[in-house]
Amino acid sequence: MTNLLLENANSARAIWSEGASSVRDGAEPEVQCTLGQVIGRTASRFPDQPAIVSTKFAPLTYCDLQGQLDGIRRQLRLAGFDCKARIGVLMPNGAEAVLAIVAVACCSIAVPLDPRLSEAEFDQRLDMLRLDALLVPQGRA
């Protein structure tokens, strides 16, 4: 069983509990790794298991999710964004938003924004957050 605990939202770090087989004194060993590494390990172990399920599209397997994450990481790096880039994600709530936030969090600093914000609230957040980029659905300004 995998336990995830987001330790720091800015660095997308997680705790991966490897299991009880090597337990000493009743405590499970914990190893720090990134969210991307956790997904990668899960994709290696269970490639055909559903990772993201939606009513709008067929389930996305861990193998497919890993492919999506690799592609998004490659695009962000080619665009000049490194792991310290602060990228806002402004997407309508749903599975696509989850995928976008997870993808950005796996290779940069994801800053999810609430799509229900008023224009004034949105402008205030942009001034405060100092983003390097803003991810929005294709065709939206």
Protein backbone atom coordinates (compact mmCIF):
# COMPACT_ATOMS: atom_id res chain seq x y z
CA MET A 1 0.00 0.00 0.00
CA THR A 2 1.25 3.49 -0.87
CA ASN A 3 0.81 6.40 1.51
CA LEU A 4 1.19 9.91 0.14
CA LEU A 5 1.61 12.98 2.26
CA LEU A 6 2.29 16.27 0.57
CA GLU A 7 5.02 17.73 2.71
CA ASN A 8 5.49 21.03 0.93
CA ALA A 9 3.14 22.18 -1.80
CA ASN A 10 5.84 24.35 -3.37
CA SER A 11 8.24 21.50 -3.98
CA ALA A 12 5.65 18.75 -4.60
CA ARG A 13 7.52 16.44 -2.23
CA ALA A 14 5.82 13.31 -0.97
CA ILE A 15 6.41 10.51 1.48
CA TRP A 16 6.51 7.04 -0.01
CA SER A 17 6.02 4.21 2.45
CA GLU A 18 7.79 1.22 0.96
CA GLY A 19 6.03 -1.40 3.05
CA ALA A 20 6.32 -3.31 6.26
CA SER A 21 8.71 -6.06 5.16
CA SER A 22 11.81 -4.19 6.38
CA VAL A 23 10.21 -2.68 9.46
CA ARG A 24 12.32 -2.30 12.60
CA ASP A 25 10.82 -1.53 15.98
CA GLY A 26 7.33 -1.40 14.45
CA ALA A 27 7.96 1.74 12.36
CA GLU A 28 7.68 1.83 8.58
CA PRO A 29 10.72 3.26 6.80
CA GLU A 30 9.95 6.48 4.94
CA VAL A 31 11.87 7.69 1.94
CA GLN A 32 11.36 11.15 0.50
CA CYS A 33 10.73 11.37 -3.22
CA THR A 34 8.92 13.66 -5.59
CA LEU A 35 5.35 13.30 -6.74
CA GLY A 36 6.70 12.48 -10.20
CA GLN A 37 8.85 9.69 -8.78
CA VAL A 38 5.87 8.22 -6.92
CA ILE A 39 3.80 8.24 -10.11
CA GLY A 40 6.74 6.76 -12.04
CA ARG A 41 7.12 3.92 -9.54
CA THR A 42 3.40 3.24 -9.63
CA ALA A 43 3.45 3.30 -13.45
CA SER A 44 6.28 0.73 -13.39
CA ARG A 45 4.43 -1.56 -11.01
CA PHE A 46 0.86 -1.14 -12.30
CA PRO A 47 1.03 0.33 -15.83
CA ASP A 48 -2.47 -0.76 -16.87
CA GLN A 49 -4.28 0.33 -13.70
CA PRO A 50 -6.47 3.45 -13.96
CA ALA A 51 -4.78 6.59 -12.62
CA ILE A 52 -7.38 9.23 -13.53
CA VAL A 53 -11.03 8.39 -14.13
CA SER A 54 -13.52 10.82 -15.66
CA THR A 55 -16.99 10.74 -17.14
CA LYS A 56 -15.69 12.81 -20.08
CA PHE A 57 -13.00 10.43 -21.36
CA ALA A 58 -11.75 6.86 -21.01
CA PRO A 59 -9.74 6.11 -17.85
CA LEU A 60 -6.13 7.23 -18.07
CA THR A 61 -3.80 4.39 -17.05
CA TYR A 62 -0.63 4.98 -15.05
CA CYS A 63 1.39 4.21 -18.19
CA ASP A 64 -0.58 6.81 -20.16
CA LEU A 65 -0.32 9.28 -17.27
CA GLN A 66 3.45 8.83 -17.19
CA GLY A 67 3.58 9.51 -20.94
CA GLN A 68 1.49 12.67 -20.51
CA LEU A 69 3.72 13.86 -17.65
CA ASP A 70 6.89 13.22 -19.66
CA GLY A 71 5.48 15.18 -22.61
CA ILE A 72 4.41 18.14 -20.49
CA ARG A 73 7.76 18.19 -18.68
CA ARG A 74 9.56 18.19 -22.04
CA GLN A 75 7.38 21.08 -23.31
CA LEU A 76 7.97 23.14 -20.17
CA ARG A 77 11.74 22.58 -20.33
CA LEU A 78 11.84 23.50 -24.04
CA ALA A 79 9.92 26.68 -23.18
CA GLY A 80 12.65 27.54 -20.65
CA PHE A 81 10.85 26.67 -17.40
CA ASP A 82 12.90 24.78 -14.81
CA CYS A 83 11.93 23.12 -11.53
CA LYS A 84 11.81 26.49 -9.75
CA ALA A 85 9.38 28.07 -12.23
CA ARG A 86 6.07 29.12 -10.64
CA ILE A 87 3.33 28.13 -13.07
CA GLY A 88 -0.28 29.07 -12.42
CA VAL A 89 -2.93 26.59 -13.53
CA LEU A 90 -6.30 28.13 -14.38
CA MET A 91 -8.58 25.38 -15.63
CA PRO A 92 -12.25 24.57 -15.16
CA ASN A 93 -12.72 22.04 -12.34
CA GLY A 94 -12.52 18.47 -13.58
CA ALA A 95 -10.17 15.69 -14.61
CA GLU A 96 -8.29 17.92 -17.07
CA ALA A 97 -7.51 20.35 -14.24
CA VAL A 98 -6.25 17.48 -12.08
CA LEU A 99 -3.99 16.27 -14.89
CA ALA A 100 -2.65 19.78 -15.53
CA ILE A 101 -1.94 20.48 -11.85
CA VAL A 102 -0.25 17.11 -11.31
CA ALA A 103 1.78 17.47 -14.52
CA VAL A 104 3.07 20.91 -13.58
CA ALA A 105 3.71 19.85 -9.96
CA CYS A 106 5.87 16.97 -11.22
CA CYS A 107 8.36 19.28 -12.90
CA SER A 108 7.85 22.83 -11.61
CA ILE A 109 5.93 24.65 -8.88
CA ALA A 110 2.20 24.34 -9.57
CA VAL A 111 0.00 27.19 -8.37
CA PRO A 112 -3.65 26.16 -8.86
CA LEU A 113 -6.04 29.07 -9.30
CA ASP A 114 -9.77 28.94 -8.68
CA PRO A 115 -11.63 29.42 -12.00
CA ARG A 116 -14.55 30.96 -10.07
CA LEU A 117 -12.52 34.03 -9.07
CA SER A 118 -13.85 37.39 -10.18
CA GLU A 119 -11.63 39.42 -12.52
CA ALA A 120 -10.60 41.70 -9.62
CA GLU A 121 -9.76 38.71 -7.39
CA PHE A 122 -7.83 37.09 -10.23
CA ASP A 123 -5.80 40.28 -10.85
CA GLN A 124 -5.07 40.51 -7.13
CA ARG A 125 -3.80 36.91 -7.06
CA LEU A 126 -1.61 37.47 -10.12
CA ASP A 127 0.02 40.51 -8.47
CA MET A 128 0.61 38.57 -5.27
CA LEU A 129 1.83 35.22 -6.69
CA ARG A 130 4.59 36.40 -9.06
CA LEU A 131 4.04 33.63 -11.59
CA ASP A 132 6.47 32.80 -14.38
CA ALA A 133 3.66 31.46 -16.58
CA LEU A 134 -0.06 30.77 -16.58
CA LEU A 135 -1.52 27.56 -18.01
CA VAL A 136 -5.04 27.97 -19.42
CA PRO A 137 -7.20 25.79 -21.69
CA GLN A 138 -6.35 26.15 -25.37
CA GLY A 139 -8.36 28.92 -27.03
CA ARG A 140 -8.96 30.89 -23.81
CA ALA A 141 -7.37 34.26 -23.08
